[in-house]
Amino acid sequence: MSSEQLDALKEQLAQLTPSQKQEMARFLSEQIESERSGSAQRPDALKREQHMVWLKAHREEYAGQYVALDGDILVGCGATMREAREQAREQGIEHPFLVHVSSVNDAPFGGW
């Protein structure tokens, strides 16, 4: 692709809405990851990997809250799953990954 074509594409991308830009960023991120791995991973496997990476990086920051993720992008958070889901929907994400984040220090179940 020539630099003129790339510049024209950048100008078009600048005109997108924030949610469209976010969708384009996710698409490009998936393309880069696919090329790095040397094989085209299934999109759902890539998303799961992105979810886990995000959760490891932000676990303590969001401990005790529900988060809504789209790949490795936080699209909602709150005290309830409903809050997180509604924030994601406001950003145009209909099917986010929803999970309650626990702290590393939280016991998985009652003590002995």
N, C-alpha and C. Protein backbone atom coordinates (compact mmCIF):
# COMPACT_ATOMS: atom_id res chain seq x y z
N MET A 1 0.85 -1.17 0.00
CA MET A 1 0.00 0.00 0.00
C MET A 1 0.90 1.23 0.00
N SER A 2 0.58 2.18 -0.83
CA SER A 2 1.39 3.40 -0.91
C SER A 2 1.09 4.31 0.28
N SER A 3 1.99 5.24 0.53
CA SER A 3 1.77 6.16 1.64
C SER A 3 0.56 7.06 1.38
N GLU A 4 0.27 7.35 0.11
CA GLU A 4 -0.91 8.16 -0.21
C GLU A 4 -2.19 7.40 0.14
N GLN A 5 -2.21 6.11 -0.18
CA GLN A 5 -3.38 5.30 0.15
C GLN A 5 -3.55 5.20 1.66
N LEU A 6 -2.45 5.03 2.37
CA LEU A 6 -2.50 4.94 3.82
C LEU A 6 -3.00 6.25 4.42
N ASP A 7 -2.53 7.38 3.91
CA ASP A 7 -3.00 8.68 4.40
C ASP A 7 -4.49 8.87 4.14
N ALA A 8 -4.96 8.44 2.98
CA ALA A 8 -6.39 8.54 2.65
C ALA A 8 -7.21 7.67 3.60
N LEU A 9 -6.71 6.48 3.91
CA LEU A 9 -7.40 5.59 4.84
C LEU A 9 -7.45 6.22 6.23
N LYS A 10 -6.37 6.82 6.67
CA LYS A 10 -6.33 7.48 7.98
C LYS A 10 -7.36 8.61 8.05
N GLU A 11 -7.48 9.38 6.97
CA GLU A 11 -8.47 10.46 6.93
C GLU A 11 -9.89 9.91 7.07
N GLN A 12 -10.16 8.79 6.41
CA GLN A 12 -11.48 8.17 6.51
C GLN A 12 -11.74 7.67 7.93
N LEU A 13 -10.71 7.07 8.53
CA LEU A 13 -10.86 6.54 9.89
C LEU A 13 -11.10 7.65 10.90
N ALA A 14 -10.52 8.81 10.68
CA ALA A 14 -10.70 9.94 11.59
C ALA A 14 -12.15 10.40 11.65
N GLN A 15 -12.93 10.09 10.64
CA GLN A 15 -14.33 10.51 10.57
C GLN A 15 -15.29 9.53 11.24
N LEU A 16 -14.79 8.40 11.70
CA LEU A 16 -15.64 7.41 12.34
C LEU A 16 -16.10 7.87 13.71
N THR A 17 -17.19 7.30 14.19
CA THR A 17 -17.67 7.57 15.55
C THR A 17 -16.73 6.85 16.53
N PRO A 18 -16.75 7.25 17.81
CA PRO A 18 -15.90 6.57 18.78
C PRO A 18 -16.11 5.05 18.84
N SER A 19 -17.36 4.60 18.77
CA SER A 19 -17.59 3.15 18.82
C SER A 19 -17.09 2.46 17.55
N GLN A 20 -17.20 3.13 16.40
CA GLN A 20 -16.68 2.56 15.17
C GLN A 20 -15.14 2.50 15.22
N LYS A 21 -14.53 3.51 15.79
CA LYS A 21 -13.07 3.51 15.95
C LYS A 21 -12.64 2.37 16.87
N GLN A 22 -13.41 2.16 17.94
CA GLN A 22 -13.10 1.07 18.86
C GLN A 22 -13.22 -0.28 18.16
N GLU A 23 -14.24 -0.43 17.34
CA GLU A 23 -14.42 -1.67 16.58
C GLU A 23 -13.25 -1.87 15.62
N MET A 24 -12.80 -0.80 14.97
CA MET A 24 -11.68 -0.89 14.04
C MET A 24 -10.39 -1.24 14.80
N ALA A 25 -10.22 -0.66 15.98
CA ALA A 25 -9.03 -0.97 16.79
C ALA A 25 -9.01 -2.44 17.18
N ARG A 26 -10.16 -2.98 17.56
CA ARG A 26 -10.24 -4.41 17.90
C ARG A 26 -9.91 -5.27 16.68
N PHE A 27 -10.44 -4.90 15.53
CA PHE A 27 -10.17 -5.64 14.31
C PHE A 27 -8.68 -5.65 14.00
N LEU A 28 -8.05 -4.49 14.07
CA LEU A 28 -6.61 -4.41 13.77
C LEU A 28 -5.80 -5.18 14.80
N SER A 29 -6.21 -5.11 16.07
CA SER A 29 -5.53 -5.86 17.12
C SER A 29 -5.60 -7.36 16.85
N GLU A 30 -6.76 -7.83 16.44
CA GLU A 30 -6.92 -9.25 16.12
C GLU A 30 -6.06 -9.64 14.93
N GLN A 31 -5.97 -8.76 13.94
CA GLN A 31 -5.14 -9.04 12.78
C GLN A 31 -3.66 -9.15 13.17
N ILE A 32 -3.21 -8.25 14.02
CA ILE A 32 -1.81 -8.27 14.45
C ILE A 32 -1.53 -9.54 15.24
N GLU A 33 -2.42 -9.90 16.17
CA GLU A 33 -2.22 -11.11 16.96
C GLU A 33 -2.21 -12.35 16.08
N SER A 34 -3.07 -12.37 15.08
CA SER A 34 -3.12 -13.50 14.17
C SER A 34 -1.81 -13.64 13.40
N GLU A 35 -1.28 -12.51 12.95
CA GLU A 35 -0.01 -12.55 12.21
C GLU A 35 1.15 -12.94 13.11
N ARG A 36 1.14 -12.47 14.36
CA ARG A 36 2.21 -12.81 15.30
C ARG A 36 2.24 -14.31 15.60
N SER A 37 1.05 -14.89 15.73
CA SER A 37 0.99 -16.30 16.09
C SER A 37 1.35 -17.20 14.91
N GLY A 38 1.38 -16.62 13.72
CA GLY A 38 1.74 -17.40 12.54
C GLY A 38 0.61 -18.24 11.99
N SER A 39 -0.52 -18.23 12.69
CA SER A 39 -1.67 -18.96 12.19
C SER A 39 -2.92 -18.18 12.56
N ALA A 40 -3.94 -18.35 11.79
CA ALA A 40 -5.18 -17.65 12.06
C ALA A 40 -5.93 -18.38 13.17
N GLN A 41 -5.87 -17.80 14.38
CA GLN A 41 -6.61 -18.39 15.49
C GLN A 41 -8.09 -18.13 15.29
N ARG A 42 -8.91 -18.97 15.87
CA ARG A 42 -10.34 -18.72 15.84
C ARG A 42 -10.60 -17.45 16.65
N PRO A 43 -11.50 -16.59 16.17
CA PRO A 43 -11.77 -15.34 16.87
C PRO A 43 -12.19 -15.53 18.33
N ASP A 44 -12.99 -16.57 18.63
CA ASP A 44 -13.42 -16.77 20.01
C ASP A 44 -12.24 -17.17 20.91
N ALA A 45 -11.30 -17.92 20.40
CA ALA A 45 -10.12 -18.29 21.18
C ALA A 45 -9.26 -17.07 21.45
N LEU A 46 -9.13 -16.21 20.46
CA LEU A 46 -8.36 -14.99 20.63
C LEU A 46 -9.02 -14.09 21.68
N LYS A 47 -10.34 -13.96 21.61
CA LYS A 47 -11.05 -13.13 22.59
C LYS A 47 -10.87 -13.67 24.01
N ARG A 48 -10.96 -14.98 24.17
CA ARG A 48 -10.76 -15.58 25.50
C ARG A 48 -9.37 -15.25 26.03
N GLU A 49 -8.39 -15.37 25.17
CA GLU A 49 -7.02 -15.05 25.57
C GLU A 49 -6.92 -13.57 25.97
N GLN A 50 -7.55 -12.69 25.21
CA GLN A 50 -7.53 -11.27 25.54
C GLN A 50 -8.22 -11.00 26.87
N HIS A 51 -9.34 -11.67 27.13
CA HIS A 51 -10.04 -11.51 28.41
C HIS A 51 -9.11 -11.87 29.57
N MET A 52 -8.45 -13.02 29.45
CA MET A 52 -7.59 -13.48 30.53
C MET A 52 -6.40 -12.54 30.77
N VAL A 53 -5.82 -12.05 29.70
CA VAL A 53 -4.70 -11.11 29.82
C VAL A 53 -5.17 -9.84 30.54
N TRP A 54 -6.33 -9.32 30.15
CA TRP A 54 -6.86 -8.11 30.78
C TRP A 54 -7.13 -8.36 32.25
N LEU A 55 -7.78 -9.48 32.56
CA LEU A 55 -8.11 -9.78 33.96
C LEU A 55 -6.87 -9.90 34.82
N LYS A 56 -5.83 -10.53 34.31
CA LYS A 56 -4.58 -10.64 35.08
C LYS A 56 -3.97 -9.27 35.34
N ALA A 57 -4.03 -8.40 34.34
CA ALA A 57 -3.41 -7.07 34.45
C ALA A 57 -4.20 -6.13 35.36
N HIS A 58 -5.52 -6.31 35.45
CA HIS A 58 -6.36 -5.34 36.16
C HIS A 58 -7.13 -5.94 37.34
N ARG A 59 -6.74 -7.11 37.76
CA ARG A 59 -7.49 -7.83 38.79
C ARG A 59 -7.69 -7.01 40.06
N GLU A 60 -6.61 -6.50 40.62
CA GLU A 60 -6.71 -5.78 41.89
C GLU A 60 -7.41 -4.43 41.72
N GLU A 61 -7.23 -3.81 40.59
CA GLU A 61 -7.84 -2.51 40.31
C GLU A 61 -9.37 -2.60 40.30
N TYR A 62 -9.92 -3.73 39.85
CA TYR A 62 -11.37 -3.90 39.74
C TYR A 62 -11.92 -4.97 40.68
N ALA A 63 -11.14 -5.38 41.67
CA ALA A 63 -11.57 -6.41 42.61
C ALA A 63 -12.88 -6.00 43.29
N GLY A 64 -13.81 -6.95 43.35
CA GLY A 64 -15.10 -6.71 43.98
C GLY A 64 -16.14 -6.13 43.04
N GLN A 65 -15.79 -5.88 41.80
CA GLN A 65 -16.72 -5.30 40.83
C GLN A 65 -17.01 -6.30 39.71
N TYR A 66 -18.07 -6.02 38.99
CA TYR A 66 -18.36 -6.73 37.75
C TYR A 66 -17.76 -5.92 36.61
N VAL A 67 -17.16 -6.60 35.65
CA VAL A 67 -16.62 -5.91 34.49
C VAL A 67 -17.22 -6.52 33.22
N ALA A 68 -17.31 -5.68 32.20
CA ALA A 68 -17.75 -6.11 30.87
C ALA A 68 -16.59 -5.86 29.93
N LEU A 69 -16.15 -6.91 29.25
CA LEU A 69 -15.01 -6.80 28.35
C LEU A 69 -15.43 -7.15 26.93
N ASP A 70 -14.77 -6.50 26.00
CA ASP A 70 -14.87 -6.88 24.59
C ASP A 70 -13.44 -7.08 24.15
N GLY A 71 -13.01 -8.34 24.13
CA GLY A 71 -11.60 -8.62 23.90
C GLY A 71 -10.80 -8.13 25.08
N ASP A 72 -9.84 -7.26 24.83
CA ASP A 72 -9.03 -6.72 25.92
C ASP A 72 -9.39 -5.27 26.23
N ILE A 73 -10.64 -4.90 25.92
CA ILE A 73 -11.10 -3.54 26.16
C ILE A 73 -12.22 -3.55 27.19
N LEU A 74 -12.05 -2.76 28.24
CA LEU A 74 -13.08 -2.61 29.26
C LEU A 74 -14.19 -1.75 28.68
N VAL A 75 -15.41 -2.29 28.65
CA VAL A 75 -16.54 -1.55 28.09
C VAL A 75 -17.61 -1.26 29.15
N GLY A 76 -17.37 -1.70 30.39
CA GLY A 76 -18.30 -1.41 31.47
C GLY A 76 -17.83 -2.01 32.77
N CYS A 77 -18.22 -1.38 33.87
CA CYS A 77 -17.92 -1.94 35.19
C CYS A 77 -18.91 -1.36 36.19
N GLY A 78 -19.12 -2.09 37.28
CA GLY A 78 -20.03 -1.62 38.30
C GLY A 78 -20.21 -2.62 39.41
N ALA A 79 -21.03 -2.23 40.37
CA ALA A 79 -21.29 -3.09 41.52
C ALA A 79 -22.16 -4.29 41.15
N THR A 80 -22.91 -4.17 40.05
CA THR A 80 -23.77 -5.27 39.61
C THR A 80 -23.46 -5.62 38.16
N MET A 81 -23.84 -6.83 37.80
CA MET A 81 -23.66 -7.27 36.43
C MET A 81 -24.50 -6.41 35.48
N ARG A 82 -25.67 -6.03 35.94
CA ARG A 82 -26.56 -5.20 35.13
C ARG A 82 -25.89 -3.86 34.78
N GLU A 83 -25.24 -3.23 35.77
CA GLU A 83 -24.56 -1.96 35.51
C GLU A 83 -23.48 -2.12 34.44
N ALA A 84 -22.68 -3.15 34.58
CA ALA A 84 -21.59 -3.39 33.63
C ALA A 84 -22.16 -3.66 32.23
N ARG A 85 -23.21 -4.48 32.16
CA ARG A 85 -23.82 -4.80 30.87
C ARG A 85 -24.43 -3.56 30.21
N GLU A 86 -25.10 -2.73 30.99
CA GLU A 86 -25.72 -1.52 30.44
C GLU A 86 -24.66 -0.56 29.89
N GLN A 87 -23.55 -0.42 30.58
CA GLN A 87 -22.47 0.44 30.09
C GLN A 87 -21.93 -0.09 28.76
N ALA A 88 -21.80 -1.40 28.67
CA ALA A 88 -21.32 -2.00 27.42
C ALA A 88 -22.32 -1.74 26.29
N ARG A 89 -23.59 -1.90 26.57
CA ARG A 89 -24.61 -1.67 25.54
C ARG A 89 -24.63 -0.22 25.08
N GLU A 90 -24.37 0.71 26.00
CA GLU A 90 -24.30 2.12 25.63
C GLU A 90 -23.17 2.37 24.63
N GLN A 91 -22.16 1.51 24.65
CA GLN A 91 -21.04 1.64 23.71
C GLN A 91 -21.24 0.78 22.47
N GLY A 92 -22.41 0.18 22.36
CA GLY A 92 -22.72 -0.61 21.17
C GLY A 92 -22.28 -2.06 21.24
N ILE A 93 -21.87 -2.54 22.40
CA ILE A 93 -21.42 -3.92 22.57
C ILE A 93 -22.60 -4.73 23.12
N GLU A 94 -23.19 -5.56 22.29
CA GLU A 94 -24.38 -6.32 22.67
C GLU A 94 -24.07 -7.57 23.49
N HIS A 95 -22.92 -8.19 23.25
CA HIS A 95 -22.59 -9.44 23.93
C HIS A 95 -21.20 -9.36 24.56
N PRO A 96 -21.05 -8.57 25.63
CA PRO A 96 -19.74 -8.48 26.27
C PRO A 96 -19.46 -9.72 27.11
N PHE A 97 -18.20 -9.90 27.46
CA PHE A 97 -17.80 -10.93 28.42
C PHE A 97 -18.00 -10.30 29.79
N LEU A 98 -18.88 -10.88 30.61
CA LEU A 98 -19.19 -10.34 31.93
C LEU A 98 -18.65 -11.27 33.00
N VAL A 99 -17.97 -10.67 33.99
CA VAL A 99 -17.39 -11.48 35.05
C VAL A 99 -17.24 -10.65 36.32
N HIS A 100 -17.38 -11.32 37.46
CA HIS A 100 -17.09 -10.68 38.75
C HIS A 100 -15.62 -10.87 39.04
N VAL A 101 -14.93 -9.80 39.34
CA VAL A 101 -13.49 -9.85 39.57
C VAL A 101 -13.23 -9.99 41.06
N SER A 102 -12.47 -11.01 41.42
CA SER A 102 -12.10 -11.21 42.82
C SER A 102 -10.64 -10.84 43.01
N SER A 103 -10.30 -10.48 44.22
CA SER A 103 -8.93 -10.15 44.55
C SER A 103 -8.10 -11.42 44.67
N VAL A 104 -6.81 -11.30 44.48
CA VAL A 104 -5.90 -12.43 44.67
C VAL A 104 -5.99 -12.92 46.10
N ASN A 105 -6.26 -12.00 47.03
CA ASN A 105 -6.31 -12.34 48.45
C ASN A 105 -7.62 -12.97 48.90
N ASP A 106 -8.65 -12.95 48.04
CA ASP A 106 -9.93 -13.56 48.40
C ASP A 106 -9.81 -15.08 48.43
N ALA A 107 -10.33 -15.67 49.49
CA ALA A 107 -10.35 -17.13 49.56
C ALA A 107 -11.41 -17.64 48.60
N PRO A 108 -11.16 -18.75 47.90
CA PRO A 108 -12.14 -19.26 46.95
C PRO A 108 -13.41 -19.79 47.62
N PHE A 109 -13.30 -20.17 48.91
CA PHE A 109 -14.45 -20.66 49.67
C PHE A 109 -14.11 -20.54 51.14
N GLY A 110 -15.01 -20.92 52.00
CA GLY A 110 -14.82 -20.78 53.46
C GLY A 110 -13.55 -21.42 53.99
N GLY A 111 -13.13 -20.98 55.14
CA GLY A 111 -11.89 -21.49 55.75
C GLY A 111 -12.06 -22.87 56.35
N TRP A 112 -11.02 -23.37 56.91
CA TRP A 112 -11.03 -24.70 57.50
C TRP A 112 -11.41 -24.65 58.95
